[in-house]
Protein backbone atom coordinates (compact mmCIF):
# COMPACT_ATOMS: atom_id res chain seq x y z
CA UNK A 1 2.13 49.71 -3.88
CA UNK A 2 0.79 49.50 -7.72
CA UNK A 3 3.65 47.19 -8.84
CA UNK A 4 3.01 44.93 -5.81
CA UNK A 5 -0.73 44.84 -6.53
CA UNK A 6 -0.10 43.97 -10.27
CA UNK A 7 2.54 41.41 -9.37
CA UNK A 8 -0.02 39.71 -6.90
CA UNK A 9 -2.75 40.06 -9.66
CA UNK A 10 -0.66 38.00 -11.83
CA UNK A 11 0.47 35.39 -9.51
CA UNK A 12 -3.26 34.73 -8.31
CA UNK A 13 -4.72 34.88 -12.09
CA UNK A 14 -1.98 32.24 -12.75
CA UNK A 15 -3.77 30.02 -10.09
CA UNK A 16 -7.21 30.38 -11.88
CA UNK A 17 -9.22 32.64 -9.26
CA UNK A 18 -11.79 34.85 -10.71
CA UNK A 19 -11.38 38.61 -10.48
CA UNK A 20 -13.62 38.77 -7.24
CA UNK A 21 -11.47 35.98 -5.77
CA UNK A 22 -8.24 37.91 -6.49
CA UNK A 23 -9.85 41.39 -4.73
CA UNK A 24 -10.99 38.95 -1.96
CA UNK A 25 -7.58 37.49 -1.44
CA UNK A 26 -5.55 40.76 -1.81
CA UNK A 27 -7.84 42.27 0.81
CA UNK A 28 -7.06 39.62 3.18
CA UNK A 29 -3.21 40.48 2.80
CA UNK A 30 -2.01 42.49 5.79
CA UNK A 31 0.39 44.68 3.80
CA UNK A 32 -2.20 45.62 0.99
CA UNK A 33 -5.69 45.42 2.72
CA UNK A 34 -8.40 47.79 1.64
CA UNK A 35 -6.27 49.97 -0.47
CA UNK A 36 -4.70 47.11 -2.60
CA UNK A 37 -8.17 45.52 -2.86
CA UNK A 38 -9.82 48.46 -4.32
CA UNK A 39 -6.62 49.24 -6.53
CA UNK A 40 -6.96 45.49 -7.73
CA UNK A 41 -10.56 45.83 -8.46
CA UNK A 42 -10.23 48.81 -10.73
CA UNK A 43 -7.20 46.98 -12.65
CA UNK A 44 -9.53 43.99 -12.85
CA UNK A 45 -12.53 46.11 -13.82
CA UNK A 46 -14.91 44.86 -10.99
CA UNK A 47 -17.84 46.99 -10.08
CA UNK A 48 -17.00 49.38 -7.10
CA UNK A 49 -19.99 48.52 -5.26
CA UNK A 50 -19.09 44.67 -5.65
CA UNK A 51 -15.27 45.36 -4.67
CA UNK A 52 -16.42 47.37 -1.50
CA UNK A 53 -18.82 44.59 -0.49
CA UNK A 54 -16.14 42.11 -0.61
C-alpha cells in the first residue's frame, strides 16, 4: 500500500494540489480511504490533527 500511496502523491503533486488537498483526495479513493490518507499525511508532513479532520 505504501508504494501505491507514494505513486498517487507524486501524481497529485504534479497537478499542483496542496498537501492537504492530496490527503483529502486520497481519503476519498475507495481503495485507500483512511489508512492511505493518514499515510499520505505522514509522508507530506501534514499535522496529525489536521489530517484527521480532513
